[in-house]
Amino acid sequence: MLMASLSDIGLAAAINILSAFTFLLAFAILRIQPINDRVYFPKWYLKGLRSSPLQAGLFVSKFVNLDFKSYIRFLSWMPAALQMPEPELIDHAGLDSAVYLRIYLLGYALINHSLWHLWISTIPCFHSFSSGFSFISNGSLFARIFLVFSSNIAV
């Protein structure tokens, strides 16, 4: 049985984190482009709060957002959306935004609670089982991982 090394796990984590940030950045940049208004704000077009960017302005500004300050504060909508009541959020941005925020908050809660639980349960395992076993006394990473995974097995 082959086990992944710590560098393999680190590389996989780095690729996943980098791809997550890349997709978030792509979403944020595409969201503020004038040509994509109908995709990201369809409800505002139906209510008449926005008009098509293709009707007025310079040729370049119809397709590319030239306000560079908006690129700096591209995630400023997130705190405002989190503080907004859910019915108002559905009315303002749509049901998909409310569902996205629920999934986001659920993931945040699950990860936060899981990490807290893992931290609370692994610290005693490292301290109580670190002595007395000959294959564990060398302090290798494999020995510590073995202790975490087999902590409920009486040896």
N, C-alpha and C. Protein backbone atom coordinates (compact mmCIF):
# COMPACT_ATOMS: atom_id res chain seq x y z
N MET A 1 0.84 -1.18 0.00
CA MET A 1 0.00 0.00 0.00
C MET A 1 0.89 1.24 0.00
N LEU A 2 0.68 2.12 -0.95
CA LEU A 2 1.44 3.36 -1.04
C LEU A 2 0.74 4.45 -0.27
N MET A 3 1.51 5.19 0.48
CA MET A 3 0.95 6.33 1.21
C MET A 3 1.49 7.60 0.59
N ALA A 4 0.67 8.59 0.59
CA ALA A 4 1.10 9.89 0.08
C ALA A 4 2.05 10.53 1.08
N SER A 5 3.07 11.15 0.56
CA SER A 5 4.01 11.84 1.45
C SER A 5 3.44 13.22 1.80
N LEU A 6 4.07 13.85 2.76
CA LEU A 6 3.62 15.17 3.17
C LEU A 6 3.74 16.18 2.04
N SER A 7 4.76 16.03 1.21
CA SER A 7 4.91 16.96 0.07
C SER A 7 3.81 16.74 -0.97
N ASP A 8 3.37 15.49 -1.15
CA ASP A 8 2.26 15.22 -2.08
C ASP A 8 0.97 15.86 -1.58
N ILE A 9 0.72 15.72 -0.29
CA ILE A 9 -0.49 16.32 0.30
C ILE A 9 -0.42 17.84 0.22
N GLY A 10 0.75 18.39 0.50
CA GLY A 10 0.93 19.84 0.43
C GLY A 10 0.73 20.37 -0.99
N LEU A 11 1.24 19.63 -1.97
CA LEU A 11 1.07 20.05 -3.36
C LEU A 11 -0.40 20.01 -3.77
N ALA A 12 -1.11 18.95 -3.37
CA ALA A 12 -2.54 18.85 -3.69
C ALA A 12 -3.31 19.99 -3.02
N ALA A 13 -2.98 20.29 -1.77
CA ALA A 13 -3.65 21.40 -1.08
C ALA A 13 -3.35 22.73 -1.76
N ALA A 14 -2.11 22.93 -2.16
CA ALA A 14 -1.74 24.18 -2.84
C ALA A 14 -2.48 24.33 -4.16
N ILE A 15 -2.60 23.25 -4.92
CA ILE A 15 -3.32 23.30 -6.20
C ILE A 15 -4.79 23.62 -5.96
N ASN A 16 -5.40 22.98 -4.95
CA ASN A 16 -6.81 23.24 -4.66
C ASN A 16 -7.04 24.67 -4.19
N ILE A 17 -6.19 25.18 -3.32
CA ILE A 17 -6.35 26.55 -2.83
C ILE A 17 -6.13 27.55 -3.96
N LEU A 18 -5.11 27.32 -4.78
CA LEU A 18 -4.84 28.22 -5.90
C LEU A 18 -5.99 28.23 -6.90
N SER A 19 -6.54 27.06 -7.20
CA SER A 19 -7.67 27.03 -8.15
C SER A 19 -8.91 27.68 -7.56
N ALA A 20 -9.15 27.54 -6.26
CA ALA A 20 -10.29 28.20 -5.62
C ALA A 20 -10.15 29.71 -5.71
N PHE A 21 -8.96 30.24 -5.40
CA PHE A 21 -8.75 31.68 -5.50
C PHE A 21 -8.82 32.16 -6.95
N THR A 22 -8.36 31.34 -7.89
CA THR A 22 -8.44 31.72 -9.30
C THR A 22 -9.88 31.85 -9.76
N PHE A 23 -10.73 30.87 -9.39
CA PHE A 23 -12.13 30.94 -9.78
C PHE A 23 -12.85 32.10 -9.09
N LEU A 24 -12.52 32.36 -7.82
CA LEU A 24 -13.13 33.50 -7.13
C LEU A 24 -12.72 34.81 -7.78
N LEU A 25 -11.47 34.93 -8.15
CA LEU A 25 -10.99 36.14 -8.81
C LEU A 25 -11.61 36.30 -10.19
N ALA A 26 -11.75 35.20 -10.94
CA ALA A 26 -12.39 35.27 -12.26
C ALA A 26 -13.84 35.69 -12.12
N PHE A 27 -14.55 35.13 -11.13
CA PHE A 27 -15.93 35.53 -10.90
C PHE A 27 -16.02 37.02 -10.58
N ALA A 28 -15.13 37.49 -9.70
CA ALA A 28 -15.17 38.88 -9.28
C ALA A 28 -14.86 39.83 -10.44
N ILE A 29 -13.91 39.48 -11.28
CA ILE A 29 -13.55 40.34 -12.41
C ILE A 29 -14.64 40.33 -13.47
N LEU A 30 -15.18 39.16 -13.78
CA LEU A 30 -16.24 39.08 -14.79
C LEU A 30 -17.53 39.75 -14.30
N ARG A 31 -17.77 39.73 -13.00
CA ARG A 31 -18.99 40.31 -12.45
C ARG A 31 -19.04 41.83 -12.63
N ILE A 32 -17.90 42.50 -12.61
CA ILE A 32 -17.91 43.96 -12.68
C ILE A 32 -17.74 44.49 -14.10
N GLN A 33 -17.70 43.62 -15.09
CA GLN A 33 -17.59 44.07 -16.48
C GLN A 33 -18.98 44.47 -17.00
N PRO A 34 -19.10 45.58 -17.69
CA PRO A 34 -20.41 46.05 -18.16
C PRO A 34 -21.12 45.08 -19.11
N ILE A 35 -20.38 44.34 -19.89
CA ILE A 35 -20.99 43.45 -20.87
C ILE A 35 -21.70 42.28 -20.18
N ASN A 36 -21.32 41.96 -18.94
CA ASN A 36 -21.90 40.84 -18.21
C ASN A 36 -23.02 41.25 -17.26
N ASP A 37 -23.48 42.48 -17.34
CA ASP A 37 -24.53 42.95 -16.44
C ASP A 37 -25.80 42.11 -16.53
N ARG A 38 -26.19 41.75 -17.72
CA ARG A 38 -27.43 40.97 -17.88
C ARG A 38 -27.32 39.59 -17.26
N VAL A 39 -26.11 39.06 -17.19
CA VAL A 39 -25.92 37.74 -16.60
C VAL A 39 -25.96 37.82 -15.07
N TYR A 40 -25.30 38.81 -14.50
CA TYR A 40 -25.16 38.89 -13.06
C TYR A 40 -26.26 39.71 -12.38
N PHE A 41 -26.95 40.57 -13.10
CA PHE A 41 -28.00 41.40 -12.52
C PHE A 41 -29.28 41.37 -13.35
N PRO A 42 -29.84 40.20 -13.67
CA PRO A 42 -31.02 40.17 -14.55
C PRO A 42 -32.26 40.78 -13.90
N LYS A 43 -32.37 40.65 -12.59
CA LYS A 43 -33.54 41.18 -11.89
C LYS A 43 -33.57 42.72 -11.97
N TRP A 44 -32.41 43.34 -11.96
CA TRP A 44 -32.35 44.80 -12.03
C TRP A 44 -32.76 45.29 -13.42
N TYR A 45 -32.50 44.51 -14.45
CA TYR A 45 -32.94 44.87 -15.80
C TYR A 45 -34.46 44.74 -15.91
N LEU A 46 -35.02 43.70 -15.31
CA LEU A 46 -36.48 43.53 -15.37
C LEU A 46 -37.21 44.63 -14.62
N LYS A 47 -36.62 45.11 -13.53
CA LYS A 47 -37.24 46.19 -12.75
C LYS A 47 -36.97 47.57 -13.37
N GLY A 48 -36.06 47.64 -14.31
CA GLY A 48 -35.73 48.91 -14.94
C GLY A 48 -34.69 49.72 -14.19
N LEU A 49 -33.99 49.12 -13.25
CA LEU A 49 -32.97 49.82 -12.49
C LEU A 49 -31.65 49.96 -13.25
N ARG A 50 -31.46 49.14 -14.26
CA ARG A 50 -30.27 49.22 -15.10
C ARG A 50 -30.68 49.19 -16.55
N SER A 51 -29.83 49.80 -17.38
CA SER A 51 -30.05 49.74 -18.82
C SER A 51 -28.82 49.12 -19.47
N SER A 52 -28.96 48.75 -20.70
CA SER A 52 -27.89 48.07 -21.40
C SER A 52 -26.68 48.98 -21.58
N PRO A 53 -25.47 48.49 -21.27
CA PRO A 53 -24.27 49.32 -21.46
C PRO A 53 -23.92 49.50 -22.93
N LEU A 54 -24.54 48.74 -23.81
CA LEU A 54 -24.23 48.85 -25.24
C LEU A 54 -24.88 50.06 -25.89
N GLN A 55 -25.78 50.74 -25.17
CA GLN A 55 -26.51 51.86 -25.76
C GLN A 55 -25.77 53.19 -25.63
N ALA A 56 -24.96 53.36 -24.60
CA ALA A 56 -24.33 54.65 -24.38
C ALA A 56 -22.88 54.48 -23.95
N GLY A 57 -22.10 55.55 -24.07
CA GLY A 57 -20.73 55.54 -23.60
C GLY A 57 -19.73 55.26 -24.70
N LEU A 58 -18.46 55.30 -24.29
CA LEU A 58 -17.37 54.99 -25.21
C LEU A 58 -17.40 53.53 -25.61
N PHE A 59 -16.77 53.22 -26.73
CA PHE A 59 -16.78 51.85 -27.24
C PHE A 59 -16.14 50.87 -26.25
N VAL A 60 -14.98 51.25 -25.71
CA VAL A 60 -14.26 50.37 -24.78
C VAL A 60 -15.03 50.20 -23.47
N SER A 61 -15.65 51.26 -22.98
CA SER A 61 -16.35 51.19 -21.70
C SER A 61 -17.64 50.37 -21.78
N LYS A 62 -18.06 50.00 -22.99
CA LYS A 62 -19.21 49.11 -23.12
C LYS A 62 -18.85 47.68 -22.75
N PHE A 63 -17.58 47.32 -22.88
CA PHE A 63 -17.14 45.95 -22.66
C PHE A 63 -16.24 45.77 -21.44
N VAL A 64 -15.45 46.80 -21.10
CA VAL A 64 -14.47 46.71 -20.02
C VAL A 64 -14.75 47.81 -19.00
N ASN A 65 -14.73 47.44 -17.74
CA ASN A 65 -14.90 48.41 -16.66
C ASN A 65 -13.60 49.19 -16.50
N LEU A 66 -13.65 50.48 -16.72
CA LEU A 66 -12.45 51.31 -16.65
C LEU A 66 -12.29 51.99 -15.29
N ASP A 67 -13.19 51.73 -14.35
CA ASP A 67 -13.08 52.27 -13.00
C ASP A 67 -12.21 51.32 -12.18
N PHE A 68 -10.93 51.69 -12.01
CA PHE A 68 -9.99 50.78 -11.37
C PHE A 68 -10.23 50.65 -9.87
N LYS A 69 -10.96 51.59 -9.27
CA LYS A 69 -11.29 51.46 -7.84
C LYS A 69 -12.23 50.28 -7.60
N SER A 70 -13.06 49.96 -8.58
CA SER A 70 -13.98 48.84 -8.42
C SER A 70 -13.23 47.49 -8.41
N TYR A 71 -12.04 47.44 -9.00
CA TYR A 71 -11.26 46.21 -8.96
C TYR A 71 -10.66 45.98 -7.58
N ILE A 72 -10.41 47.05 -6.85
CA ILE A 72 -9.84 46.94 -5.51
C ILE A 72 -10.89 46.45 -4.52
N ARG A 73 -12.11 46.95 -4.65
CA ARG A 73 -13.16 46.58 -3.70
C ARG A 73 -14.16 45.60 -4.32
N PHE A 74 -13.66 44.60 -5.04
CA PHE A 74 -14.54 43.68 -5.76
C PHE A 74 -15.31 42.74 -4.85
N LEU A 75 -14.91 42.56 -3.61
CA LEU A 75 -15.66 41.70 -2.69
C LEU A 75 -16.44 42.50 -1.64
N SER A 76 -16.67 43.77 -1.90
CA SER A 76 -17.37 44.61 -0.93
C SER A 76 -18.84 44.23 -0.78
N TRP A 77 -19.38 43.47 -1.71
CA TRP A 77 -20.78 43.06 -1.63
C TRP A 77 -20.98 41.97 -0.58
N MET A 78 -19.93 41.23 -0.24
CA MET A 78 -20.09 40.08 0.65
C MET A 78 -20.52 40.47 2.07
N PRO A 79 -19.87 41.42 2.76
CA PRO A 79 -20.34 41.78 4.11
C PRO A 79 -21.75 42.37 4.10
N ALA A 80 -22.06 43.15 3.08
CA ALA A 80 -23.41 43.72 3.00
C ALA A 80 -24.46 42.63 2.79
N ALA A 81 -24.14 41.64 1.99
CA ALA A 81 -25.08 40.55 1.74
C ALA A 81 -25.24 39.67 2.98
N LEU A 82 -24.18 39.50 3.75
CA LEU A 82 -24.28 38.70 4.97
C LEU A 82 -25.12 39.38 6.05
N GLN A 83 -25.15 40.70 6.06
CA GLN A 83 -25.93 41.43 7.06
C GLN A 83 -27.38 41.65 6.63
N MET A 84 -27.68 41.41 5.39
CA MET A 84 -29.03 41.64 4.87
C MET A 84 -29.97 40.51 5.28
N PRO A 85 -31.19 40.83 5.68
CA PRO A 85 -32.16 39.74 5.96
C PRO A 85 -32.45 38.94 4.69
N GLU A 86 -32.76 37.66 4.89
CA GLU A 86 -32.91 36.77 3.74
C GLU A 86 -34.03 37.18 2.78
N PRO A 87 -35.22 37.58 3.24
CA PRO A 87 -36.25 38.00 2.27
C PRO A 87 -35.82 39.22 1.44
N GLU A 88 -35.11 40.15 2.09
CA GLU A 88 -34.62 41.33 1.37
C GLU A 88 -33.54 40.93 0.37
N LEU A 89 -32.69 39.97 0.74
CA LEU A 89 -31.65 39.49 -0.16
C LEU A 89 -32.26 38.81 -1.38
N ILE A 90 -33.31 38.01 -1.16
CA ILE A 90 -33.99 37.34 -2.27
C ILE A 90 -34.63 38.37 -3.19
N ASP A 91 -35.23 39.40 -2.60
CA ASP A 91 -35.86 40.45 -3.41
C ASP A 91 -34.83 41.26 -4.17
N HIS A 92 -33.68 41.50 -3.55
CA HIS A 92 -32.66 42.35 -4.16
C HIS A 92 -31.81 41.60 -5.19
N ALA A 93 -31.32 40.41 -4.83
CA ALA A 93 -30.36 39.72 -5.69
C ALA A 93 -30.85 38.39 -6.24
N GLY A 94 -31.90 37.85 -5.68
CA GLY A 94 -32.44 36.60 -6.19
C GLY A 94 -32.20 35.43 -5.25
N LEU A 95 -32.92 34.36 -5.54
CA LEU A 95 -32.85 33.16 -4.71
C LEU A 95 -31.48 32.50 -4.80
N ASP A 96 -30.83 32.56 -5.93
CA ASP A 96 -29.52 31.93 -6.06
C ASP A 96 -28.49 32.56 -5.13
N SER A 97 -28.58 33.85 -4.91
CA SER A 97 -27.66 34.51 -3.99
C SER A 97 -27.92 34.07 -2.55
N ALA A 98 -29.17 33.93 -2.18
CA ALA A 98 -29.50 33.48 -0.84
C ALA A 98 -29.03 32.04 -0.62
N VAL A 99 -29.20 31.19 -1.63
CA VAL A 99 -28.75 29.81 -1.52
C VAL A 99 -27.22 29.77 -1.45
N TYR A 100 -26.55 30.59 -2.25
CA TYR A 100 -25.08 30.64 -2.22
C TYR A 100 -24.59 31.03 -0.83
N LEU A 101 -25.22 32.05 -0.24
CA LEU A 101 -24.78 32.47 1.09
C LEU A 101 -25.08 31.42 2.15
N ARG A 102 -26.18 30.71 2.02
CA ARG A 102 -26.46 29.61 2.96
C ARG A 102 -25.41 28.52 2.85
N ILE A 103 -25.05 28.15 1.63
CA ILE A 103 -24.02 27.12 1.43
C ILE A 103 -22.68 27.61 1.97
N TYR A 104 -22.36 28.87 1.73
CA TYR A 104 -21.12 29.46 2.23
C TYR A 104 -21.08 29.41 3.76
N LEU A 105 -22.16 29.84 4.41
CA LEU A 105 -22.19 29.85 5.86
C LEU A 105 -22.19 28.43 6.45
N LEU A 106 -22.87 27.51 5.78
CA LEU A 106 -22.86 26.12 6.24
C LEU A 106 -21.45 25.53 6.13
N GLY A 107 -20.77 25.77 5.03
CA GLY A 107 -19.40 25.31 4.87
C GLY A 107 -18.47 25.92 5.90
N TYR A 108 -18.66 27.21 6.17
CA TYR A 108 -17.84 27.89 7.18
C TYR A 108 -18.07 27.27 8.55
N ALA A 109 -19.32 27.02 8.90
CA ALA A 109 -19.62 26.42 10.20
C ALA A 109 -19.08 25.00 10.31
N LEU A 110 -19.25 24.21 9.25
CA LEU A 110 -18.76 22.83 9.29
C LEU A 110 -17.24 22.77 9.41
N ILE A 111 -16.55 23.59 8.65
CA ILE A 111 -15.08 23.57 8.71
C ILE A 111 -14.61 24.08 10.07
N ASN A 112 -15.23 25.13 10.55
CA ASN A 112 -14.84 25.70 11.84
C ASN A 112 -15.04 24.68 12.96
N HIS A 113 -16.20 24.04 13.00
CA HIS A 113 -16.48 23.05 14.04
C HIS A 113 -15.59 21.81 13.88
N SER A 114 -15.37 21.38 12.65
CA SER A 114 -14.53 20.20 12.42
C SER A 114 -13.09 20.46 12.86
N LEU A 115 -12.56 21.61 12.51
CA LEU A 115 -11.19 21.92 12.91
C LEU A 115 -11.07 22.03 14.43
N TRP A 116 -12.05 22.64 15.06
CA TRP A 116 -12.04 22.76 16.52
C TRP A 116 -12.09 21.36 17.15
N HIS A 117 -12.97 20.51 16.66
CA HIS A 117 -13.10 19.16 17.20
C HIS A 117 -11.82 18.35 16.97
N LEU A 118 -11.24 18.43 15.79
CA LEU A 118 -10.01 17.70 15.51
C LEU A 118 -8.86 18.18 16.39
N TRP A 119 -8.79 19.49 16.60
CA TRP A 119 -7.73 20.01 17.43
C TRP A 119 -7.89 19.54 18.87
N ILE A 120 -9.11 19.57 19.38
CA ILE A 120 -9.37 19.13 20.75
C ILE A 120 -9.09 17.64 20.91
N SER A 121 -9.38 16.84 19.89
CA SER A 121 -9.21 15.39 20.03
C SER A 121 -7.79 14.92 19.72
N THR A 122 -7.02 15.64 18.93
CA THR A 122 -5.68 15.15 18.58
C THR A 122 -4.62 15.55 19.60
N ILE A 123 -4.77 16.67 20.26
CA ILE A 123 -3.76 17.08 21.24
C ILE A 123 -3.63 16.04 22.36
N PRO A 124 -4.72 15.56 22.95
CA PRO A 124 -4.55 14.51 23.98
C PRO A 124 -3.95 13.22 23.42
N CYS A 125 -4.25 12.89 22.18
CA CYS A 125 -3.67 11.67 21.59
C CYS A 125 -2.17 11.79 21.48
N PHE A 126 -1.68 12.93 21.05
CA PHE A 126 -0.23 13.10 20.93
C PHE A 126 0.45 13.04 22.29
N HIS A 127 -0.17 13.61 23.30
CA HIS A 127 0.48 13.67 24.61
C HIS A 127 0.34 12.36 25.39
N SER A 128 -0.77 11.66 25.26
CA SER A 128 -0.95 10.46 26.07
C SER A 128 -0.31 9.23 25.47
N PHE A 129 -0.21 9.13 24.15
CA PHE A 129 0.33 7.95 23.52
C PHE A 129 1.77 8.11 23.04
N SER A 130 2.42 9.21 23.35
CA SER A 130 3.75 9.42 22.79
C SER A 130 4.82 8.57 23.46
N SER A 131 4.55 8.01 24.61
CA SER A 131 5.55 7.15 25.26
C SER A 131 4.95 5.76 25.49
N GLY A 132 5.79 4.76 25.54
CA GLY A 132 5.33 3.42 25.85
C GLY A 132 5.26 2.49 24.66
N PHE A 133 5.21 2.98 23.46
CA PHE A 133 5.18 2.13 22.28
C PHE A 133 6.52 2.28 21.56
N SER A 134 7.13 1.17 21.23
CA SER A 134 8.47 1.24 20.65
C SER A 134 8.48 1.86 19.25
N PHE A 135 7.46 1.56 18.42
CA PHE A 135 7.46 2.12 17.07
C PHE A 135 7.01 3.57 17.04
N ILE A 136 6.48 4.04 18.13
CA ILE A 136 6.04 5.43 18.19
C ILE A 136 7.11 6.32 18.79
N SER A 137 8.01 5.75 19.53
CA SER A 137 8.99 6.56 20.25
C SER A 137 9.96 7.28 19.34
N ASN A 138 10.05 6.87 18.06
CA ASN A 138 10.97 7.58 17.16
C ASN A 138 10.42 8.95 16.75
N GLY A 139 9.13 9.22 16.96
CA GLY A 139 8.55 10.53 16.69
C GLY A 139 8.36 10.85 15.23
N SER A 140 8.33 9.85 14.36
CA SER A 140 8.17 10.13 12.94
C SER A 140 6.74 10.59 12.64
N LEU A 141 6.57 11.17 11.49
CA LEU A 141 5.25 11.66 11.09
C LEU A 141 4.27 10.50 10.95
N PHE A 142 4.75 9.36 10.42
CA PHE A 142 3.89 8.20 10.29
C PHE A 142 3.39 7.73 11.65
N ALA A 143 4.26 7.74 12.64
CA ALA A 143 3.86 7.30 13.97
C ALA A 143 2.80 8.22 14.56
N ARG A 144 2.95 9.51 14.36
CA ARG A 144 1.96 10.45 14.89
C ARG A 144 0.63 10.31 14.16
N ILE A 145 0.66 10.11 12.85
CA ILE A 145 -0.59 9.92 12.10
C ILE A 145 -1.24 8.61 12.51
N PHE A 146 -0.43 7.56 12.73
CA PHE A 146 -0.97 6.28 13.18
C PHE A 146 -1.69 6.45 14.51
N LEU A 147 -1.12 7.22 15.40
CA LEU A 147 -1.76 7.43 16.70
C LEU A 147 -3.10 8.13 16.57
N VAL A 148 -3.18 9.08 15.69
CA VAL A 148 -4.44 9.80 15.51
C VAL A 148 -5.51 8.87 14.97
N PHE A 149 -5.18 8.05 13.98
CA PHE A 149 -6.16 7.19 13.35
C PHE A 149 -6.51 5.96 14.18
N SER A 150 -5.61 5.55 15.06
CA SER A 150 -5.89 4.34 15.85
C SER A 150 -6.09 4.66 17.33
N SER A 151 -6.49 5.88 17.64
CA SER A 151 -6.61 6.27 19.04
C SER A 151 -7.76 5.59 19.75
N ASN A 152 -8.74 5.07 19.01
CA ASN A 152 -9.85 4.39 19.66
C ASN A 152 -9.67 2.89 19.71
N ILE A 153 -8.52 2.38 19.32
CA ILE A 153 -8.25 0.94 19.35
C ILE A 153 -7.36 0.64 20.55
N ALA A 154 -7.79 -0.28 21.39
CA ALA A 154 -6.98 -0.66 22.54
C ALA A 154 -5.82 -1.52 22.08
N VAL A 155 -4.60 -1.11 22.42
CA VAL A 155 -3.41 -1.83 22.00
C VAL A 155 -2.85 -2.61 23.17
